[in-house]
C-alpha atoms as a PDB file:
ATOM      1  CA  MET A   1      -7.345   6.368  -6.076  1.00  0.00           C
ATOM      2  CA  ASP A   2     -11.043   5.906  -5.345  1.00  0.00           C
ATOM      3  CA  LEU A   3     -11.960   7.185  -1.878  1.00  0.00           C
ATOM      4  CA  ARG A   4     -15.728   6.924  -2.264  1.00  0.00           C
ATOM      5  CA  ASP A   5     -15.998   3.687  -0.304  1.00  0.00           C
ATOM      6  CA  VAL A   6     -13.633   4.396   2.584  1.00  0.00           C
ATOM      7  CA  VAL A   7     -14.968   4.741   6.115  1.00  0.00           C
ATOM      8  CA  TRP A   8     -14.049   8.111   7.582  1.00  0.00           C
ATOM      9  CA  ARG A   9     -13.638   8.602  11.328  1.00  0.00           C
ATOM     10  CA  LYS A  10     -13.042  11.728  13.340  1.00  0.00           C
ATOM     11  CA  SER A  11      -9.581  11.954  14.824  1.00  0.00           C
ATOM     12  CA  THR A  12      -9.476  11.317  18.561  1.00  0.00           C
ATOM     13  CA  ARG A  13      -7.246  14.407  18.818  1.00  0.00           C
ATOM     14  CA  SER A  14      -9.728  16.760  17.148  1.00  0.00           C
ATOM     15  CA  SER A  15     -11.184  19.572  19.185  1.00  0.00           C
ATOM     16  CA  GLY A  16     -14.403  18.711  20.948  1.00  0.00           C
ATOM     17  CA  GLY A  17     -15.206  22.267  21.958  1.00  0.00           C
ATOM     18  CA  GLY A  18     -17.853  22.801  19.308  1.00  0.00           C
ATOM     19  CA  ASN A  19     -15.702  25.089  17.188  1.00  0.00           C
ATOM     20  CA  GLY A  20     -15.539  22.596  14.340  1.00  0.00           C
ATOM     21  CA  ASP A  21     -11.785  21.985  14.333  1.00  0.00           C
ATOM     22  CA  CYS A  22     -11.984  18.389  13.196  1.00  0.00           C
ATOM     23  CA  VAL A  23      -9.801  16.158  11.102  1.00  0.00           C
ATOM     24  CA  GLU A  24     -11.126  12.918   9.667  1.00  0.00           C
ATOM     25  CA  VAL A  25      -8.957   9.970   8.706  1.00  0.00           C
ATOM     26  CA  ALA A  26      -9.677   6.855   6.671  1.00  0.00           C
ATOM     27  CA  ASP A  27      -7.913   3.581   6.001  1.00  0.00           C
ATOM     28  CA  ALA A  28      -7.492   3.596   2.234  1.00  0.00           C
ATOM     29  CA  GLY A  29      -5.483   0.451   1.641  1.00  0.00           C
ATOM     30  CA  GLU A  30      -1.809   1.289   1.307  1.00  0.00           C
ATOM     31  CA  VAL A  31      -2.356   4.886   2.395  1.00  0.00           C
ATOM     32  CA  VAL A  32      -4.089   6.878   5.094  1.00  0.00           C
ATOM     33  CA  ALA A  33      -6.433   9.586   3.824  1.00  0.00           C
ATOM     34  CA  VAL A  34      -6.977  12.817   5.768  1.00  0.00           C
ATOM     35  CA  ARG A  35      -9.583  15.538   5.238  1.00  0.00           C
ATOM     36  CA  ASP A  36     -11.183  18.508   6.963  1.00  0.00           C
ATOM     37  CA  SER A  37     -14.559  17.482   8.376  1.00  0.00           C
ATOM     38  CA  LYS A  38     -15.933  20.965   7.656  1.00  0.00           C
ATOM     39  CA  ASP A  39     -15.203  20.507   3.932  1.00  0.00           C
ATOM     40  CA  ARG A  40     -15.931  16.863   3.178  1.00  0.00           C
ATOM     41  CA  SER A  41     -16.064  17.433  -0.560  1.00  0.00           C
ATOM     42  CA  GLY A  42     -12.803  19.361  -0.479  1.00  0.00           C
ATOM     43  CA  PRO A  43      -9.245  18.157  -0.915  1.00  0.00           C
ATOM     44  CA  VAL A  44      -7.961  14.950   0.641  1.00  0.00           C
ATOM     45  CA  LEU A  45      -4.359  14.386   1.608  1.00  0.00           C
ATOM     46  CA  THR A  46      -2.949  10.867   1.422  1.00  0.00           C
ATOM     47  CA  PHE A  47       0.102   9.543   3.211  1.00  0.00           C
ATOM     48  CA  PRO A  48       1.934   6.234   3.076  1.00  0.00           C
ATOM     49  CA  ARG A  49       1.099   4.242   6.229  1.00  0.00           C
ATOM     50  CA  THR A  50       4.659   4.447   7.535  1.00  0.00           C
ATOM     51  CA  ALA A  51       4.755   8.231   7.132  1.00  0.00           C
ATOM     52  CA  TRP A  52       1.397   8.621   8.904  1.00  0.00           C
ATOM     53  CA  ARG A  53       2.512   6.368  11.776  1.00  0.00           C
ATOM     54  CA  THR A  54       5.727   8.389  12.160  1.00  0.00           C
ATOM     55  CA  PHE A  55       3.697  11.615  12.241  1.00  0.00           C
ATOM     56  CA  VAL A  56       1.206  10.290  14.824  1.00  0.00           C
ATOM     57  CA  ASP A  57       3.983   8.861  17.014  1.00  0.00           C
ATOM     58  CA  GLY A  58       5.843  12.176  16.938  1.00  0.00           C
ATOM     59  CA  ALA A  59       2.720  14.213  17.641  1.00  0.00           C
ATOM     60  CA  THR A  60       1.712  12.102  20.629  1.00  0.00           C
ATOM     61  CA  ARG A  61       5.151  12.406  22.209  1.00  0.00           C
ATOM     62  CA  HIS A  62       5.041  16.223  22.309  1.00  0.00           C
END
């Protein structure tokens, strides 16, 4: 999977306190890509859209 052309955005749930705890997400077609904004050249996790939606829905309920 080529992630060079995806548009990354900072998660709205990332910490804004200046400590750098940020997650970035990108729409990558059939999957959602997730990376650490402090290590943009590091590993990227990918999740099927349905799995990501289930995760986000569960996280926002708690």
